[in-house]
């Protein structure tokens, strides 16, 4: 079964320990938003960089690999790869965590544009944006689970 949260099973475990509202996504998002700032940063940092080292050395989770492939990130030209590398480096240097976007809702050009735009944001805005994007990733992964069952 696909993990909903990258290397962060604690979110699902905490949601499972609470009474269900009947909306799994809402329950998971409530746990994510109720987490401490350090836990939220750990959750964000558990995500791989887009078209980064994990994609090259094949240590991405199956879900991340499929999602990145859906946006064409497994088929970058050398120039595109260099651009992603430069933006990933700049983003991580500015914010201290990887750039997160729900790649299934965009494409390479959209991702690059978002990376460039979001580099001008402040850290609090980017933390909130990263958590919102994780919410979108989880929403789509939940839909995938429903289809598989």
C-alpha atoms as a PDB file:
ATOM      1  CA  UNK A   1       0.000   0.000   0.000  1.00  0.00           C
ATOM      2  CA  UNK A   2       1.309   3.443  -0.932  1.00  0.00           C
ATOM      3  CA  UNK A   3       2.376   5.622   1.962  1.00  0.00           C
ATOM      4  CA  UNK A   4       0.318   8.776   2.058  1.00  0.00           C
ATOM      5  CA  UNK A   5       3.046  10.853   3.696  1.00  0.00           C
ATOM      6  CA  UNK A   6       6.698  10.558   2.682  1.00  0.00           C
ATOM      7  CA  UNK A   7       8.595   8.687   5.399  1.00  0.00           C
ATOM      8  CA  UNK A   8       6.187  10.048   8.026  1.00  0.00           C
ATOM      9  CA  UNK A   9       3.859   7.267   9.214  1.00  0.00           C
ATOM     10  CA  UNK A  10       3.192   9.194  12.427  1.00  0.00           C
ATOM     11  CA  UNK A  11       0.564  11.346  10.685  1.00  0.00           C
ATOM     12  CA  UNK A  12      -1.605   8.352   9.796  1.00  0.00           C
ATOM     13  CA  UNK A  13      -0.965   6.735  13.192  1.00  0.00           C
ATOM     14  CA  UNK A  14      -2.136   9.842  15.033  1.00  0.00           C
ATOM     15  CA  UNK A  15      -5.206  10.151  12.834  1.00  0.00           C
ATOM     16  CA  UNK A  16      -6.004   6.473  13.454  1.00  0.00           C
ATOM     17  CA  UNK A  17      -5.859   7.098  17.218  1.00  0.00           C
ATOM     18  CA  UNK A  18      -8.520   9.825  17.019  1.00  0.00           C
ATOM     19  CA  UNK A  19     -12.248   9.488  16.367  1.00  0.00           C
ATOM     20  CA  UNK A  20     -12.922   9.629  12.638  1.00  0.00           C
ATOM     21  CA  UNK A  21     -14.915  12.514  11.225  1.00  0.00           C
ATOM     22  CA  UNK A  22     -15.841  10.336   8.251  1.00  0.00           C
ATOM     23  CA  UNK A  23     -13.488  12.358   6.027  1.00  0.00           C
ATOM     24  CA  UNK A  24     -10.067  10.688   6.034  1.00  0.00           C
ATOM     25  CA  UNK A  25      -8.342  13.557   4.246  1.00  0.00           C
ATOM     26  CA  UNK A  26      -9.720  16.116   6.704  1.00  0.00           C
ATOM     27  CA  UNK A  27      -8.654  13.934   9.636  1.00  0.00           C
ATOM     28  CA  UNK A  28      -5.122  13.635   8.256  1.00  0.00           C
ATOM     29  CA  UNK A  29      -4.897  17.364   7.547  1.00  0.00           C
ATOM     30  CA  UNK A  30      -6.068  18.137  11.084  1.00  0.00           C
ATOM     31  CA  UNK A  31      -3.228  16.000  12.469  1.00  0.00           C
ATOM     32  CA  UNK A  32      -0.707  17.624  10.131  1.00  0.00           C
ATOM     33  CA  UNK A  33      -1.807  21.140  11.087  1.00  0.00           C
ATOM     34  CA  UNK A  34      -1.924  20.296  14.809  1.00  0.00           C
ATOM     35  CA  UNK A  35       1.654  19.002  14.720  1.00  0.00           C
ATOM     36  CA  UNK A  36       4.382  21.066  16.319  1.00  0.00           C
ATOM     37  CA  UNK A  37       6.397  23.378  14.058  1.00  0.00           C
ATOM     38  CA  UNK A  38       9.371  20.993  14.387  1.00  0.00           C
ATOM     39  CA  UNK A  39       7.195  18.032  13.355  1.00  0.00           C
ATOM     40  CA  UNK A  40       5.849  19.987  10.407  1.00  0.00           C
ATOM     41  CA  UNK A  41       9.381  20.852   9.287  1.00  0.00           C
ATOM     42  CA  UNK A  42      10.407  17.200   9.640  1.00  0.00           C
ATOM     43  CA  UNK A  43       7.405  16.234   7.488  1.00  0.00           C
ATOM     44  CA  UNK A  44       8.404  18.765   4.827  1.00  0.00           C
ATOM     45  CA  UNK A  45      12.039  17.672   4.966  1.00  0.00           C
ATOM     46  CA  UNK A  46      11.019  14.024   4.501  1.00  0.00           C
ATOM     47  CA  UNK A  47      10.090  14.858   0.897  1.00  0.00           C
ATOM     48  CA  UNK A  48      12.637  14.345  -1.867  1.00  0.00           C
ATOM     49  CA  UNK A  49      13.907  17.141  -4.062  1.00  0.00           C
ATOM     50  CA  UNK A  50      12.311  17.147  -7.489  1.00  0.00           C
ATOM     51  CA  UNK A  51      14.625  15.590 -10.083  1.00  0.00           C
ATOM     52  CA  UNK A  52      17.228  15.373  -7.341  1.00  0.00           C
ATOM     53  CA  UNK A  53      19.695  12.803  -6.040  1.00  0.00           C
ATOM     54  CA  UNK A  54      16.989  10.364  -4.936  1.00  0.00           C
ATOM     55  CA  UNK A  55      15.655  10.223  -8.499  1.00  0.00           C
ATOM     56  CA  UNK A  56      19.122   9.469  -9.852  1.00  0.00           C
ATOM     57  CA  UNK A  57      20.094   6.833  -7.301  1.00  0.00           C
ATOM     58  CA  UNK A  58      16.571   5.330  -7.351  1.00  0.00           C
ATOM     59  CA  UNK A  59      15.832   5.807  -3.640  1.00  0.00           C
ATOM     60  CA  UNK A  60      12.516   7.578  -4.234  1.00  0.00           C
ATOM     61  CA  UNK A  61       9.440   5.921  -2.823  1.00  0.00           C
ATOM     62  CA  UNK A  62       7.377   4.203  -5.522  1.00  0.00           C
ATOM     63  CA  UNK A  63       4.707   6.890  -5.192  1.00  0.00           C
ATOM     64  CA  UNK A  64       7.204   9.743  -5.575  1.00  0.00           C
ATOM     65  CA  UNK A  65       8.887   8.086  -8.539  1.00  0.00           C
ATOM     66  CA  UNK A  66       5.543   7.648 -10.319  1.00  0.00           C
ATOM     67  CA  UNK A  67       4.455  11.188  -9.492  1.00  0.00           C
ATOM     68  CA  UNK A  68       7.708  12.731 -10.715  1.00  0.00           C
ATOM     69  CA  UNK A  69       7.512  10.624 -13.884  1.00  0.00           C
ATOM     70  CA  UNK A  70       3.948  11.864 -14.490  1.00  0.00           C
ATOM     71  CA  UNK A  71       5.349  15.403 -14.775  1.00  0.00           C
ATOM     72  CA  UNK A  72       8.203  14.297 -17.021  1.00  0.00           C
ATOM     73  CA  UNK A  73      10.870  14.754 -14.375  1.00  0.00           C
ATOM     74  CA  UNK A  74      12.380  11.386 -15.263  1.00  0.00           C
ATOM     75  CA  UNK A  75      13.026  12.612 -18.815  1.00  0.00           C
ATOM     76  CA  UNK A  76      14.875  15.906 -18.366  1.00  0.00           C
ATOM     77  CA  UNK A  77      17.347  17.293 -20.854  1.00  0.00           C
ATOM     78  CA  UNK A  78      20.775  18.113 -19.418  1.00  0.00           C
ATOM     79  CA  UNK A  79      19.786  21.799 -19.444  1.00  0.00           C
ATOM     80  CA  UNK A  80      16.521  21.125 -17.604  1.00  0.00           C
ATOM     81  CA  UNK A  81      18.311  18.940 -15.077  1.00  0.00           C
ATOM     82  CA  UNK A  82      20.842  21.721 -14.446  1.00  0.00           C
ATOM     83  CA  UNK A  83      18.016  24.243 -13.981  1.00  0.00           C
ATOM     84  CA  UNK A  84      16.224  21.997 -11.500  1.00  0.00           C
ATOM     85  CA  UNK A  85      19.494  21.422  -9.643  1.00  0.00           C
ATOM     86  CA  UNK A  86      20.207  25.175  -9.445  1.00  0.00           C
ATOM     87  CA  UNK A  87      16.684  26.002  -8.261  1.00  0.00           C
ATOM     88  CA  UNK A  88      16.652  23.146  -5.743  1.00  0.00           C
ATOM     89  CA  UNK A  89      19.968  24.374  -4.340  1.00  0.00           C
ATOM     90  CA  UNK A  90      18.768  27.977  -4.135  1.00  0.00           C
ATOM     91  CA  UNK A  91      15.453  26.989  -2.566  1.00  0.00           C
ATOM     92  CA  UNK A  92      16.978  24.678   0.046  1.00  0.00           C
ATOM     93  CA  UNK A  93      19.598  27.318   0.827  1.00  0.00           C
ATOM     94  CA  UNK A  94      16.951  29.985   1.341  1.00  0.00           C
ATOM     95  CA  UNK A  95      14.381  27.959   3.287  1.00  0.00           C
ATOM     96  CA  UNK A  96      16.200  24.943   4.742  1.00  0.00           C
ATOM     97  CA  UNK A  97      13.871  22.355   3.214  1.00  0.00           C
ATOM     98  CA  UNK A  98      13.055  20.987  -0.245  1.00  0.00           C
ATOM     99  CA  UNK A  99      10.665  22.615  -2.676  1.00  0.00           C
ATOM    100  CA  UNK A 100       7.328  20.769  -2.574  1.00  0.00           C
ATOM    101  CA  UNK A 101       4.629  20.915  -5.191  1.00  0.00           C
ATOM    102  CA  UNK A 102       1.959  18.431  -6.179  1.00  0.00           C
ATOM    103  CA  UNK A 103       3.588  17.471  -9.477  1.00  0.00           C
ATOM    104  CA  UNK A 104       0.534  15.548 -10.644  1.00  0.00           C
ATOM    105  CA  UNK A 105      -1.295  18.862 -11.007  1.00  0.00           C
ATOM    106  CA  UNK A 106       1.320  20.531 -13.237  1.00  0.00           C
ATOM    107  CA  UNK A 107       4.167  19.883 -15.661  1.00  0.00           C
ATOM    108  CA  UNK A 108       7.890  20.659 -15.941  1.00  0.00           C
ATOM    109  CA  UNK A 109       7.349  24.244 -17.067  1.00  0.00           C
ATOM    110  CA  UNK A 110       4.796  24.870 -14.315  1.00  0.00           C
ATOM    111  CA  UNK A 111       7.097  23.405 -11.684  1.00  0.00           C
ATOM    112  CA  UNK A 112      10.048  25.520 -12.802  1.00  0.00           C
ATOM    113  CA  UNK A 113       7.887  28.662 -12.862  1.00  0.00           C
ATOM    114  CA  UNK A 114       6.583  27.914  -9.362  1.00  0.00           C
ATOM    115  CA  UNK A 115      10.105  27.318  -8.073  1.00  0.00           C
ATOM    116  CA  UNK A 116      11.253  30.666  -9.442  1.00  0.00           C
ATOM    117  CA  UNK A 117       8.226  32.526  -8.053  1.00  0.00           C
ATOM    118  CA  UNK A 118       8.280  30.884  -4.646  1.00  0.00           C
ATOM    119  CA  UNK A 119      11.958  31.725  -4.101  1.00  0.00           C
ATOM    120  CA  UNK A 120      10.784  35.297  -3.438  1.00  0.00           C
ATOM    121  CA  UNK A 121       8.415  34.255  -0.638  1.00  0.00           C
ATOM    122  CA  UNK A 122       9.192  34.479   3.055  1.00  0.00           C
ATOM    123  CA  UNK A 123       9.853  31.306   5.047  1.00  0.00           C
ATOM    124  CA  UNK A 124       6.473  31.233   6.844  1.00  0.00           C
ATOM    125  CA  UNK A 125       4.654  31.519   3.508  1.00  0.00           C
ATOM    126  CA  UNK A 126       6.714  28.665   2.099  1.00  0.00           C
ATOM    127  CA  UNK A 127       6.081  26.434   5.108  1.00  0.00           C
ATOM    128  CA  UNK A 128       2.337  27.033   4.701  1.00  0.00           C
ATOM    129  CA  UNK A 129       2.576  26.448   0.944  1.00  0.00           C
ATOM    130  CA  UNK A 130       4.577  23.247   1.401  1.00  0.00           C
ATOM    131  CA  UNK A 131       1.990  21.909   3.872  1.00  0.00           C
ATOM    132  CA  UNK A 132      -0.826  22.811   1.477  1.00  0.00           C
ATOM    133  CA  UNK A 133       0.974  20.999  -1.348  1.00  0.00           C
ATOM    134  CA  UNK A 134       1.498  17.959   0.873  1.00  0.00           C
ATOM    135  CA  UNK A 135      -2.260  18.070   1.465  1.00  0.00           C
ATOM    136  CA  UNK A 136      -2.851  17.914  -2.297  1.00  0.00           C
ATOM    137  CA  UNK A 137      -0.390  15.042  -2.689  1.00  0.00           C
ATOM    138  CA  UNK A 138      -2.151  13.130   0.090  1.00  0.00           C
ATOM    139  CA  UNK A 139      -5.579  13.862  -1.394  1.00  0.00           C
ATOM    140  CA  UNK A 140      -4.536  12.306  -4.714  1.00  0.00           C
ATOM    141  CA  UNK A 141      -2.838   9.348  -3.027  1.00  0.00           C
ATOM    142  CA  UNK A 142      -6.030   8.697  -1.043  1.00  0.00           C
ATOM    143  CA  UNK A 143      -8.009   8.687  -4.298  1.00  0.00           C
ATOM    144  CA  UNK A 144      -5.518   6.196  -5.723  1.00  0.00           C
ATOM    145  CA  UNK A 145      -6.055   3.947  -2.699  1.00  0.00           C
ATOM    146  CA  UNK A 146      -9.819   4.066  -3.209  1.00  0.00           C
ATOM    147  CA  UNK A 147      -9.428   3.036  -6.845  1.00  0.00           C
ATOM    148  CA  UNK A 148      -7.122   0.145  -5.893  1.00  0.00           C
ATOM    149  CA  UNK A 149      -9.574  -1.274  -3.351  1.00  0.00           C
END
